[in-house]
């Protein structure tokens, strides 16, 4: 571990010593790792450190080793640093995120030091109940209202990691189809919506940390946070944690729940905006957001399990309106 970073870590945590006790996760394509550090004689028992090495990595698991994709990742880590330094403090407990403790850069390497969420949000889930889905939807609703109609300065102009502008390689790889032809039109519909917010951009189940009782969550991984229509996060989240059959059965109930939580958060913030107009716009954009993500998958991994009959029906219904 870099001795200059260790000196910095001890300084910002007022610790006398530190030990890297666990590698939590390796970053995609070999760009670094996320680790837990134990501290001595600090008010913080542990912290989480995200170490990023921006020297070009070459071991992308799906072979997307282009300079364009490298530059996208470089920007994504800068955006995440900006998020924690400039934006994260605006999040309330209703859309909890890790607190920034410090950020250190040396050459092409950087370290982000964060609150360890394991203290109050120790659970990570790979499967989830309907109630668990609703807890995450509450987080998304509060997050989207917290940043409603705010310009995403320092973040991605258009959030989400599958945003068309940042994914030309995947679009090119798509087989010839009406969806490929209409990709830019779909993208424009989402980007031109009247009610914009800041979207998490990678709101999958794996990026939510649950409290012991399962009633609260915090979210992590803000590499693709940026401007956009909030329903994009919802479409992606539901697709990340529900099966084909579950989506068919519960989609309407869960969308209704998201919008009821959105309405509560909207009312508590006393906006001079028309919530019903917002809800109408975002509901209409939901199938378009689903289709937009399918466009990415069909270029990136056309055999992905999420490309199924149910999603194909959504794609067909959207294409029929264009």
C-alpha atoms as a PDB file:
ATOM      1  CA  UNK A   1       0.000   0.000   0.000  1.00  0.00           C
ATOM      2  CA  UNK A   2       1.230   3.475  -0.874  1.00  0.00           C
ATOM      3  CA  UNK A   3       2.954   5.005   2.202  1.00  0.00           C
ATOM      4  CA  UNK A   4       1.818   8.527   1.301  1.00  0.00           C
ATOM      5  CA  UNK A   5      -1.791   7.366   1.285  1.00  0.00           C
ATOM      6  CA  UNK A   6      -1.313   5.606   4.620  1.00  0.00           C
ATOM      7  CA  UNK A   7      -0.002   8.853   6.108  1.00  0.00           C
ATOM      8  CA  UNK A   8      -3.043  10.652   4.693  1.00  0.00           C
ATOM      9  CA  UNK A   9      -5.452   8.029   6.051  1.00  0.00           C
ATOM     10  CA  UNK A  10      -3.989   8.272   9.540  1.00  0.00           C
ATOM     11  CA  UNK A  11      -4.244  12.049   9.393  1.00  0.00           C
ATOM     12  CA  UNK A  12      -7.899  12.282   8.271  1.00  0.00           C
ATOM     13  CA  UNK A  13      -9.047   9.613  10.743  1.00  0.00           C
ATOM     14  CA  UNK A  14      -6.820  10.708  13.666  1.00  0.00           C
ATOM     15  CA  UNK A  15      -5.629   7.108  13.913  1.00  0.00           C
ATOM     16  CA  UNK A  16      -2.214   5.959  15.106  1.00  0.00           C
ATOM     17  CA  UNK A  17      -2.134   2.870  12.884  1.00  0.00           C
ATOM     18  CA  UNK A  18      -4.219   1.114  10.252  1.00  0.00           C
ATOM     19  CA  UNK A  19      -4.503  -2.362   8.756  1.00  0.00           C
ATOM     20  CA  UNK A  20      -6.158  -3.488   5.527  1.00  0.00           C
ATOM     21  CA  UNK A  21      -8.237  -6.353   6.920  1.00  0.00           C
ATOM     22  CA  UNK A  22     -10.463  -7.276   3.981  1.00  0.00           C
ATOM     23  CA  UNK A  23     -10.683  -6.861   0.223  1.00  0.00           C
ATOM     24  CA  UNK A  24     -14.421  -6.340  -0.252  1.00  0.00           C
ATOM     25  CA  UNK A  25     -14.451  -6.239  -4.030  1.00  0.00           C
ATOM     26  CA  UNK A  26     -12.148  -5.965  -7.039  1.00  0.00           C
ATOM     27  CA  UNK A  27     -13.102  -3.189  -9.436  1.00  0.00           C
ATOM     28  CA  UNK A  28     -14.325  -4.003 -12.936  1.00  0.00           C
ATOM     29  CA  UNK A  29     -11.579  -4.568 -15.549  1.00  0.00           C
ATOM     30  CA  UNK A  30      -8.728  -4.457 -13.048  1.00  0.00           C
ATOM     31  CA  UNK A  31      -8.974  -0.779 -12.107  1.00  0.00           C
ATOM     32  CA  UNK A  32      -8.405  -1.318  -8.394  1.00  0.00           C
ATOM     33  CA  UNK A  33     -10.201  -2.619  -5.328  1.00  0.00           C
ATOM     34  CA  UNK A  34     -12.465  -1.733  -2.420  1.00  0.00           C
ATOM     35  CA  UNK A  35     -11.051  -2.636   0.993  1.00  0.00           C
ATOM     36  CA  UNK A  36     -11.908  -2.352   4.658  1.00  0.00           C
ATOM     37  CA  UNK A  37      -9.293  -0.821   6.952  1.00  0.00           C
ATOM     38  CA  UNK A  38      -9.186  -1.235  10.714  1.00  0.00           C
ATOM     39  CA  UNK A  39      -8.013   1.826  12.631  1.00  0.00           C
ATOM     40  CA  UNK A  40      -6.273   2.152  15.970  1.00  0.00           C
ATOM     41  CA  UNK A  41      -7.025   4.935  18.473  1.00  0.00           C
ATOM     42  CA  UNK A  42      -9.554   6.615  16.186  1.00  0.00           C
ATOM     43  CA  UNK A  43     -13.200   7.465  16.787  1.00  0.00           C
ATOM     44  CA  UNK A  44     -13.817   5.338  13.690  1.00  0.00           C
ATOM     45  CA  UNK A  45     -13.252   1.625  14.166  1.00  0.00           C
ATOM     46  CA  UNK A  46     -13.134   0.902  10.435  1.00  0.00           C
ATOM     47  CA  UNK A  47     -13.365   2.726   7.105  1.00  0.00           C
ATOM     48  CA  UNK A  48     -13.869   1.592   3.525  1.00  0.00           C
ATOM     49  CA  UNK A  49     -11.276   2.643   0.954  1.00  0.00           C
ATOM     50  CA  UNK A  50     -11.865   2.615  -2.791  1.00  0.00           C
ATOM     51  CA  UNK A  51      -8.494   2.462  -4.543  1.00  0.00           C
ATOM     52  CA  UNK A  52      -8.484   3.336  -8.245  1.00  0.00           C
ATOM     53  CA  UNK A  53      -5.520   2.864 -10.568  1.00  0.00           C
ATOM     54  CA  UNK A  54      -6.248   4.847 -13.728  1.00  0.00           C
ATOM     55  CA  UNK A  55      -3.405   3.334 -15.710  1.00  0.00           C
ATOM     56  CA  UNK A  56      -5.133   1.562 -18.590  1.00  0.00           C
ATOM     57  CA  UNK A  57      -6.339  -1.900 -17.591  1.00  0.00           C
ATOM     58  CA  UNK A  58      -6.532  -4.669 -20.194  1.00  0.00           C
ATOM     59  CA  UNK A  59      -8.506  -7.540 -18.722  1.00  0.00           C
ATOM     60  CA  UNK A  60     -12.123  -6.577 -19.388  1.00  0.00           C
ATOM     61  CA  UNK A  61     -14.163  -9.754 -18.788  1.00  0.00           C
ATOM     62  CA  UNK A  62     -16.118  -9.274 -21.999  1.00  0.00           C
ATOM     63  CA  UNK A  63     -13.332  -8.009 -24.220  1.00  0.00           C
ATOM     64  CA  UNK A  64     -14.362  -4.342 -24.455  1.00  0.00           C
ATOM     65  CA  UNK A  65     -10.798  -3.028 -24.313  1.00  0.00           C
ATOM     66  CA  UNK A  66     -11.081   0.179 -26.328  1.00  0.00           C
ATOM     67  CA  UNK A  67      -9.574   3.539 -25.494  1.00  0.00           C
ATOM     68  CA  UNK A  68     -13.120   4.943 -25.517  1.00  0.00           C
ATOM     69  CA  UNK A  69     -14.210   2.532 -22.783  1.00  0.00           C
ATOM     70  CA  UNK A  70     -11.059   3.337 -20.793  1.00  0.00           C
ATOM     71  CA  UNK A  71     -11.785   7.069 -20.969  1.00  0.00           C
ATOM     72  CA  UNK A  72     -15.370   6.410 -19.879  1.00  0.00           C
ATOM     73  CA  UNK A  73     -14.102   4.593 -16.791  1.00  0.00           C
ATOM     74  CA  UNK A  74     -11.573   7.339 -16.058  1.00  0.00           C
ATOM     75  CA  UNK A  75     -14.385   9.889 -16.134  1.00  0.00           C
ATOM     76  CA  UNK A  76     -16.633   7.643 -14.041  1.00  0.00           C
ATOM     77  CA  UNK A  77     -14.160   7.604 -11.164  1.00  0.00           C
ATOM     78  CA  UNK A  78     -13.726  11.375 -11.351  1.00  0.00           C
ATOM     79  CA  UNK A  79     -17.512  11.733 -11.289  1.00  0.00           C
ATOM     80  CA  UNK A  80     -17.699   9.487  -8.236  1.00  0.00           C
ATOM     81  CA  UNK A  81     -15.084  11.585  -6.440  1.00  0.00           C
ATOM     82  CA  UNK A  82     -17.032  14.730  -7.349  1.00  0.00           C
ATOM     83  CA  UNK A  83     -20.218  13.104  -6.076  1.00  0.00           C
ATOM     84  CA  UNK A  84     -18.757  12.420  -2.654  1.00  0.00           C
ATOM     85  CA  UNK A  85     -16.963  15.768  -2.394  1.00  0.00           C
ATOM     86  CA  UNK A  86     -19.668  18.074  -3.780  1.00  0.00           C
ATOM     87  CA  UNK A  87     -23.031  16.334  -3.586  1.00  0.00           C
ATOM     88  CA  UNK A  88     -23.321  13.485  -1.095  1.00  0.00           C
ATOM     89  CA  UNK A  89     -23.828  15.686   1.971  1.00  0.00           C
ATOM     90  CA  UNK A  90     -27.193  16.759   0.527  1.00  0.00           C
ATOM     91  CA  UNK A  91     -28.535  13.226   0.945  1.00  0.00           C
ATOM     92  CA  UNK A  92     -30.823  12.720   3.928  1.00  0.00           C
ATOM     93  CA  UNK A  93     -31.245   9.559   5.999  1.00  0.00           C
ATOM     94  CA  UNK A  94     -34.140   8.695   3.685  1.00  0.00           C
ATOM     95  CA  UNK A  95     -31.626   8.317   0.834  1.00  0.00           C
ATOM     96  CA  UNK A  96     -28.584   7.373   2.890  1.00  0.00           C
ATOM     97  CA  UNK A  97     -25.139   7.203   1.262  1.00  0.00           C
ATOM     98  CA  UNK A  98     -21.686   6.739   2.829  1.00  0.00           C
ATOM     99  CA  UNK A  99     -20.134   9.862   4.301  1.00  0.00           C
ATOM    100  CA  UNK A 100     -16.914  11.022   2.681  1.00  0.00           C
ATOM    101  CA  UNK A 101     -13.963  11.014   5.063  1.00  0.00           C
ATOM    102  CA  UNK A 102     -11.298  11.997   2.553  1.00  0.00           C
ATOM    103  CA  UNK A 103      -9.965  11.718  -0.993  1.00  0.00           C
ATOM    104  CA  UNK A 104      -6.297  11.388  -1.913  1.00  0.00           C
ATOM    105  CA  UNK A 105      -4.674  11.492  -5.370  1.00  0.00           C
ATOM    106  CA  UNK A 106      -1.133  10.703  -6.458  1.00  0.00           C
ATOM    107  CA  UNK A 107      -0.398  10.606 -10.169  1.00  0.00           C
ATOM    108  CA  UNK A 108      -2.900   8.295 -11.881  1.00  0.00           C
ATOM    109  CA  UNK A 109      -3.960   6.696  -8.619  1.00  0.00           C
ATOM    110  CA  UNK A 110      -6.650   7.832  -6.252  1.00  0.00           C
ATOM    111  CA  UNK A 111      -8.181   6.707  -2.987  1.00  0.00           C
ATOM    112  CA  UNK A 112     -11.656   7.545  -1.682  1.00  0.00           C
ATOM    113  CA  UNK A 113     -12.087   7.048   2.071  1.00  0.00           C
ATOM    114  CA  UNK A 114     -15.683   6.406   3.117  1.00  0.00           C
ATOM    115  CA  UNK A 115     -17.797   5.659   6.147  1.00  0.00           C
ATOM    116  CA  UNK A 116     -18.103   1.909   6.714  1.00  0.00           C
ATOM    117  CA  UNK A 117     -21.806   1.155   6.238  1.00  0.00           C
ATOM    118  CA  UNK A 118     -21.451  -2.235   7.933  1.00  0.00           C
ATOM    119  CA  UNK A 119     -22.086  -0.541  11.269  1.00  0.00           C
ATOM    120  CA  UNK A 120     -25.741   0.226  10.531  1.00  0.00           C
ATOM    121  CA  UNK A 121     -26.333  -1.437   7.153  1.00  0.00           C
ATOM    122  CA  UNK A 122     -24.559  -4.801   7.398  1.00  0.00           C
ATOM    123  CA  UNK A 123     -26.666  -6.899   5.018  1.00  0.00           C
ATOM    124  CA  UNK A 124     -26.085  -7.450   1.284  1.00  0.00           C
ATOM    125  CA  UNK A 125     -28.712  -9.412  -0.605  1.00  0.00           C
ATOM    126  CA  UNK A 126     -28.703 -11.516  -3.748  1.00  0.00           C
ATOM    127  CA  UNK A 127     -32.396 -12.383  -3.411  1.00  0.00           C
ATOM    128  CA  UNK A 128     -35.112 -10.122  -2.106  1.00  0.00           C
ATOM    129  CA  UNK A 129     -38.698 -10.158  -0.889  1.00  0.00           C
ATOM    130  CA  UNK A 130     -41.381  -7.821  -2.165  1.00  0.00           C
ATOM    131  CA  UNK A 131     -41.026  -5.779   1.027  1.00  0.00           C
ATOM    132  CA  UNK A 132     -37.293  -5.497   0.384  1.00  0.00           C
ATOM    133  CA  UNK A 133     -37.941  -4.224  -3.127  1.00  0.00           C
ATOM    134  CA  UNK A 134     -40.226  -1.571  -1.678  1.00  0.00           C
ATOM    135  CA  UNK A 135     -37.556  -0.408   0.791  1.00  0.00           C
ATOM    136  CA  UNK A 136     -35.186   0.197  -2.137  1.00  0.00           C
ATOM    137  CA  UNK A 137     -37.930   1.981  -4.078  1.00  0.00           C
ATOM    138  CA  UNK A 138     -38.411   4.286  -1.073  1.00  0.00           C
ATOM    139  CA  UNK A 139     -34.707   5.132  -1.235  1.00  0.00           C
ATOM    140  CA  UNK A 140     -34.944   5.869  -4.967  1.00  0.00           C
ATOM    141  CA  UNK A 141     -38.058   8.008  -4.527  1.00  0.00           C
ATOM    142  CA  UNK A 142     -36.430  10.136  -1.835  1.00  0.00           C
ATOM    143  CA  UNK A 143     -33.202  10.420  -3.829  1.00  0.00           C
ATOM    144  CA  UNK A 144     -35.029  11.551  -6.962  1.00  0.00           C
ATOM    145  CA  UNK A 145     -37.009  14.190  -5.085  1.00  0.00           C
ATOM    146  CA  UNK A 146     -33.939  15.407  -3.201  1.00  0.00           C
ATOM    147  CA  UNK A 147     -32.321  16.401  -6.502  1.00  0.00           C
ATOM    148  CA  UNK A 148     -35.383  17.245  -8.594  1.00  0.00           C
ATOM    149  CA  UNK A 149     -34.750  19.951 -11.218  1.00  0.00           C
ATOM    150  CA  UNK A 150     -31.110  20.417 -10.168  1.00  0.00           C
ATOM    151  CA  UNK A 151     -28.315  20.673 -12.746  1.00  0.00           C
ATOM    152  CA  UNK A 152     -25.809  17.801 -12.336  1.00  0.00           C
ATOM    153  CA  UNK A 153     -22.683  19.968 -12.223  1.00  0.00           C
ATOM    154  CA  UNK A 154     -19.534  17.843 -11.970  1.00  0.00           C
ATOM    155  CA  UNK A 155     -21.504  14.653 -12.606  1.00  0.00           C
ATOM    156  CA  UNK A 156     -22.481  12.939 -15.861  1.00  0.00           C
ATOM    157  CA  UNK A 157     -24.681  15.228 -17.909  1.00  0.00           C
ATOM    158  CA  UNK A 158     -26.772  12.125 -18.579  1.00  0.00           C
ATOM    159  CA  UNK A 159     -26.450   9.486 -15.867  1.00  0.00           C
ATOM    160  CA  UNK A 160     -26.591   5.643 -16.104  1.00  0.00           C
ATOM    161  CA  UNK A 161     -23.804   3.394 -17.290  1.00  0.00           C
ATOM    162  CA  UNK A 162     -25.768   2.305 -20.375  1.00  0.00           C
ATOM    163  CA  UNK A 163     -26.352   5.848 -21.688  1.00  0.00           C
ATOM    164  CA  UNK A 164     -26.270   5.674 -25.494  1.00  0.00           C
ATOM    165  CA  UNK A 165     -23.755   8.493 -25.983  1.00  0.00           C
ATOM    166  CA  UNK A 166     -21.179   6.625 -23.902  1.00  0.00           C
ATOM    167  CA  UNK A 167     -21.887   3.216 -25.496  1.00  0.00           C
ATOM    168  CA  UNK A 168     -21.213   3.472 -29.249  1.00  0.00           C
ATOM    169  CA  UNK A 169     -19.304   0.168 -29.306  1.00  0.00           C
ATOM    170  CA  UNK A 170     -22.287  -1.752 -27.963  1.00  0.00           C
ATOM    171  CA  UNK A 171     -24.668  -0.053 -30.394  1.00  0.00           C
ATOM    172  CA  UNK A 172     -22.421  -0.994 -33.287  1.00  0.00           C
ATOM    173  CA  UNK A 173     -22.360  -4.625 -32.108  1.00  0.00           C
ATOM    174  CA  UNK A 174     -26.164  -4.912 -32.189  1.00  0.00           C
ATOM    175  CA  UNK A 175     -27.643  -6.958 -34.988  1.00  0.00           C
ATOM    176  CA  UNK A 176     -29.620  -4.942 -37.528  1.00  0.00           C
ATOM    177  CA  UNK A 177     -33.080  -4.338 -36.069  1.00  0.00           C
ATOM    178  CA  UNK A 178     -35.764  -1.712 -35.629  1.00  0.00           C
ATOM    179  CA  UNK A 179     -34.551  -1.169 -32.057  1.00  0.00           C
ATOM    180  CA  UNK A 180     -31.066  -0.370 -33.339  1.00  0.00           C
ATOM    181  CA  UNK A 181     -32.540   2.055 -35.879  1.00  0.00           C
ATOM    182  CA  UNK A 182     -34.648   3.772 -33.219  1.00  0.00           C
ATOM    183  CA  UNK A 183     -31.980   3.852 -30.483  1.00  0.00           C
ATOM    184  CA  UNK A 184     -31.292   7.574 -30.815  1.00  0.00           C
ATOM    185  CA  UNK A 185     -34.997   8.433 -30.907  1.00  0.00           C
ATOM    186  CA  UNK A 186     -35.549   6.479 -27.684  1.00  0.00           C
ATOM    187  CA  UNK A 187     -32.537   8.183 -26.103  1.00  0.00           C
ATOM    188  CA  UNK A 188     -33.883  11.609 -27.090  1.00  0.00           C
ATOM    189  CA  UNK A 189     -37.300  10.912 -25.554  1.00  0.00           C
ATOM    190  CA  UNK A 190     -35.681  10.113 -22.214  1.00  0.00           C
ATOM    191  CA  UNK A 191     -33.209  12.995 -22.304  1.00  0.00           C
ATOM    192  CA  UNK A 192     -35.827  15.578 -23.274  1.00  0.00           C
ATOM    193  CA  UNK A 193     -38.291  14.857 -20.494  1.00  0.00           C
ATOM    194  CA  UNK A 194     -39.512  17.945 -18.652  1.00  0.00           C
ATOM    195  CA  UNK A 195     -38.931  16.663 -15.119  1.00  0.00           C
ATOM    196  CA  UNK A 196     -35.263  15.843 -14.627  1.00  0.00           C
ATOM    197  CA  UNK A 197     -33.432  14.818 -11.495  1.00  0.00           C
ATOM    198  CA  UNK A 198     -30.162  13.146 -10.608  1.00  0.00           C
ATOM    199  CA  UNK A 199     -30.179   9.392 -11.121  1.00  0.00           C
ATOM    200  CA  UNK A 200     -28.006   6.894  -9.272  1.00  0.00           C
ATOM    201  CA  UNK A 201     -27.084   5.332 -12.597  1.00  0.00           C
ATOM    202  CA  UNK A 202     -26.358   1.776 -11.400  1.00  0.00           C
ATOM    203  CA  UNK A 203     -29.190   1.095  -8.968  1.00  0.00           C
ATOM    204  CA  UNK A 204     -28.967  -2.693  -8.922  1.00  0.00           C
ATOM    205  CA  UNK A 205     -29.700  -4.804  -5.864  1.00  0.00           C
ATOM    206  CA  UNK A 206     -25.978  -5.400  -5.231  1.00  0.00           C
ATOM    207  CA  UNK A 207     -25.490  -1.665  -4.648  1.00  0.00           C
ATOM    208  CA  UNK A 208     -27.957  -1.481  -1.747  1.00  0.00           C
ATOM    209  CA  UNK A 209     -26.900  -2.200   1.845  1.00  0.00           C
ATOM    210  CA  UNK A 210     -29.678  -3.236   4.235  1.00  0.00           C
ATOM    211  CA  UNK A 211     -30.124  -2.597   7.942  1.00  0.00           C
ATOM    212  CA  UNK A 212     -30.319  -5.614  10.255  1.00  0.00           C
ATOM    213  CA  UNK A 213     -34.131  -5.467  10.345  1.00  0.00           C
ATOM    214  CA  UNK A 214     -34.343  -4.930   6.576  1.00  0.00           C
ATOM    215  CA  UNK A 215     -36.391  -1.744   6.916  1.00  0.00           C
ATOM    216  CA  UNK A 216     -33.744   0.734   5.764  1.00  0.00           C
ATOM    217  CA  UNK A 217     -31.138   0.814   3.022  1.00  0.00           C
ATOM    218  CA  UNK A 218     -28.132   2.847   1.967  1.00  0.00           C
ATOM    219  CA  UNK A 219     -26.731   2.927  -1.558  1.00  0.00           C
ATOM    220  CA  UNK A 220     -23.160   2.763  -2.845  1.00  0.00           C
ATOM    221  CA  UNK A 221     -21.287   2.980  -6.180  1.00  0.00           C
ATOM    222  CA  UNK A 222     -21.818   6.404  -7.739  1.00  0.00           C
ATOM    223  CA  UNK A 223     -19.619   6.119 -10.833  1.00  0.00           C
ATOM    224  CA  UNK A 224     -22.528   6.793 -13.189  1.00  0.00           C
ATOM    225  CA  UNK A 225     -24.543   9.300 -11.173  1.00  0.00           C
ATOM    226  CA  UNK A 226     -25.860  12.163 -13.274  1.00  0.00           C
ATOM    227  CA  UNK A 227     -28.817  13.925 -14.807  1.00  0.00           C
ATOM    228  CA  UNK A 228     -31.891  12.183 -16.128  1.00  0.00           C
ATOM    229  CA  UNK A 229     -35.384  10.906 -15.672  1.00  0.00           C
ATOM    230  CA  UNK A 230     -35.790   9.117 -12.340  1.00  0.00           C
ATOM    231  CA  UNK A 231     -37.802   6.282 -13.845  1.00  0.00           C
ATOM    232  CA  UNK A 232     -34.613   4.990 -15.516  1.00  0.00           C
ATOM    233  CA  UNK A 233     -33.299   3.962 -12.082  1.00  0.00           C
ATOM    234  CA  UNK A 234     -36.612   2.272 -11.297  1.00  0.00           C
ATOM    235  CA  UNK A 235     -36.731   0.316 -14.563  1.00  0.00           C
ATOM    236  CA  UNK A 236     -33.167  -0.882 -14.096  1.00  0.00           C
ATOM    237  CA  UNK A 237     -33.619  -1.737 -10.407  1.00  0.00           C
ATOM    238  CA  UNK A 238     -36.764  -3.797 -10.928  1.00  0.00           C
ATOM    239  CA  UNK A 239     -35.094  -5.655 -13.770  1.00  0.00           C
ATOM    240  CA  UNK A 240     -32.047  -6.340 -11.592  1.00  0.00           C
ATOM    241  CA  UNK A 241     -33.897  -8.129  -8.819  1.00  0.00           C
ATOM    242  CA  UNK A 242     -37.115  -9.590 -10.253  1.00  0.00           C
ATOM    243  CA  UNK A 243     -37.600 -12.570 -12.529  1.00  0.00           C
ATOM    244  CA  UNK A 244     -39.656 -12.474 -15.703  1.00  0.00           C
ATOM    245  CA  UNK A 245     -42.682 -13.937 -13.882  1.00  0.00           C
ATOM    246  CA  UNK A 246     -42.265 -11.605 -10.896  1.00  0.00           C
ATOM    247  CA  UNK A 247     -42.150  -8.569 -13.166  1.00  0.00           C
ATOM    248  CA  UNK A 248     -45.367  -9.616 -14.886  1.00  0.00           C
ATOM    249  CA  UNK A 249     -47.061 -10.195 -11.530  1.00  0.00           C
ATOM    250  CA  UNK A 250     -45.812  -7.271  -9.433  1.00  0.00           C
ATOM    251  CA  UNK A 251     -44.689  -4.528 -11.825  1.00  0.00           C
ATOM    252  CA  UNK A 252     -47.881  -2.454 -11.539  1.00  0.00           C
ATOM    253  CA  UNK A 253     -47.987  -2.759  -7.742  1.00  0.00           C
ATOM    254  CA  UNK A 254     -44.340  -1.755  -7.418  1.00  0.00           C
ATOM    255  CA  UNK A 255     -44.617   1.191  -9.779  1.00  0.00           C
ATOM    256  CA  UNK A 256     -47.653   2.392  -7.824  1.00  0.00           C
ATOM    257  CA  UNK A 257     -45.634   2.065  -4.621  1.00  0.00           C
ATOM    258  CA  UNK A 258     -42.691   4.029  -6.047  1.00  0.00           C
ATOM    259  CA  UNK A 259     -44.967   6.870  -7.141  1.00  0.00           C
ATOM    260  CA  UNK A 260     -46.762   6.946  -3.780  1.00  0.00           C
ATOM    261  CA  UNK A 261     -43.382   7.314  -2.031  1.00  0.00           C
ATOM    262  CA  UNK A 262     -42.323   9.885  -4.609  1.00  0.00           C
ATOM    263  CA  UNK A 263     -45.508  11.849  -3.861  1.00  0.00           C
ATOM    264  CA  UNK A 264     -44.825  11.778  -0.101  1.00  0.00           C
ATOM    265  CA  UNK A 265     -41.290  13.056  -0.591  1.00  0.00           C
ATOM    266  CA  UNK A 266     -42.515  15.651  -3.097  1.00  0.00           C
ATOM    267  CA  UNK A 267     -45.106  17.012  -0.663  1.00  0.00           C
ATOM    268  CA  UNK A 268     -42.622  17.215   2.207  1.00  0.00           C
ATOM    269  CA  UNK A 269     -40.290  19.343   0.046  1.00  0.00           C
ATOM    270  CA  UNK A 270     -43.102  21.797  -0.838  1.00  0.00           C
ATOM    271  CA  UNK A 271     -42.269  22.127  -4.535  1.00  0.00           C
ATOM    272  CA  UNK A 272     -44.235  24.620  -6.618  1.00  0.00           C
ATOM    273  CA  UNK A 273     -44.480  21.996  -9.362  1.00  0.00           C
ATOM    274  CA  UNK A 274     -47.285  19.803 -10.667  1.00  0.00           C
ATOM    275  CA  UNK A 275     -46.709  16.326  -9.233  1.00  0.00           C
ATOM    276  CA  UNK A 276     -49.456  14.711 -11.294  1.00  0.00           C
ATOM    277  CA  UNK A 277     -47.803  16.003 -14.450  1.00  0.00           C
ATOM    278  CA  UNK A 278     -44.466  14.594 -13.283  1.00  0.00           C
ATOM    279  CA  UNK A 279     -46.022  11.225 -12.489  1.00  0.00           C
ATOM    280  CA  UNK A 280     -47.806  11.079 -15.836  1.00  0.00           C
ATOM    281  CA  UNK A 281     -44.577  11.849 -17.698  1.00  0.00           C
ATOM    282  CA  UNK A 282     -42.428   9.332 -15.817  1.00  0.00           C
ATOM    283  CA  UNK A 283     -45.038   6.554 -16.006  1.00  0.00           C
ATOM    284  CA  UNK A 284     -45.226   7.036 -19.758  1.00  0.00           C
ATOM    285  CA  UNK A 285     -41.429   6.844 -19.967  1.00  0.00           C
ATOM    286  CA  UNK A 286     -41.145   3.623 -17.931  1.00  0.00           C
ATOM    287  CA  UNK A 287     -41.445   1.190 -20.878  1.00  0.00           C
ATOM    288  CA  UNK A 288     -39.154   3.458 -22.902  1.00  0.00           C
ATOM    289  CA  UNK A 289     -36.553   3.294 -20.117  1.00  0.00           C
ATOM    290  CA  UNK A 290     -36.858  -0.514 -20.062  1.00  0.00           C
ATOM    291  CA  UNK A 291     -36.383  -0.609 -23.831  1.00  0.00           C
ATOM    292  CA  UNK A 292     -33.367   1.694 -23.635  1.00  0.00           C
ATOM    293  CA  UNK A 293     -31.617  -0.684 -21.238  1.00  0.00           C
ATOM    294  CA  UNK A 294     -32.490  -3.670 -23.437  1.00  0.00           C
ATOM    295  CA  UNK A 295     -30.818  -1.821 -26.317  1.00  0.00           C
ATOM    296  CA  UNK A 296     -27.606  -1.791 -24.304  1.00  0.00           C
ATOM    297  CA  UNK A 297     -27.858  -5.469 -23.331  1.00  0.00           C
ATOM    298  CA  UNK A 298     -28.507  -6.601 -26.899  1.00  0.00           C
ATOM    299  CA  UNK A 299     -25.211  -5.037 -27.946  1.00  0.00           C
ATOM    300  CA  UNK A 300     -23.212  -5.913 -24.848  1.00  0.00           C
ATOM    301  CA  UNK A 301     -24.389  -9.462 -24.108  1.00  0.00           C
ATOM    302  CA  UNK A 302     -27.204 -10.653 -26.402  1.00  0.00           C
ATOM    303  CA  UNK A 303     -27.473 -13.959 -24.494  1.00  0.00           C
ATOM    304  CA  UNK A 304     -28.201 -12.197 -21.166  1.00  0.00           C
ATOM    305  CA  UNK A 305     -31.009 -13.808 -19.150  1.00  0.00           C
ATOM    306  CA  UNK A 306     -32.847 -10.477 -18.940  1.00  0.00           C
ATOM    307  CA  UNK A 307     -33.482 -10.549 -22.684  1.00  0.00           C
ATOM    308  CA  UNK A 308     -36.682 -12.556 -22.390  1.00  0.00           C
ATOM    309  CA  UNK A 309     -40.237 -12.772 -23.696  1.00  0.00           C
ATOM    310  CA  UNK A 310     -41.598 -10.231 -21.222  1.00  0.00           C
ATOM    311  CA  UNK A 311     -39.018  -7.595 -22.072  1.00  0.00           C
ATOM    312  CA  UNK A 312     -39.440  -8.335 -25.772  1.00  0.00           C
ATOM    313  CA  UNK A 313     -43.145  -7.514 -25.423  1.00  0.00           C
ATOM    314  CA  UNK A 314     -42.217  -4.166 -23.869  1.00  0.00           C
ATOM    315  CA  UNK A 315     -39.728  -3.473 -26.665  1.00  0.00           C
ATOM    316  CA  UNK A 316     -42.313  -4.307 -29.322  1.00  0.00           C
ATOM    317  CA  UNK A 317     -44.957  -2.089 -27.709  1.00  0.00           C
ATOM    318  CA  UNK A 318     -42.544   0.863 -27.541  1.00  0.00           C
ATOM    319  CA  UNK A 319     -41.329   0.429 -31.108  1.00  0.00           C
ATOM    320  CA  UNK A 320     -44.936   0.342 -32.303  1.00  0.00           C
ATOM    321  CA  UNK A 321     -45.423   3.901 -30.983  1.00  0.00           C
ATOM    322  CA  UNK A 322     -42.348   5.405 -32.676  1.00  0.00           C
END
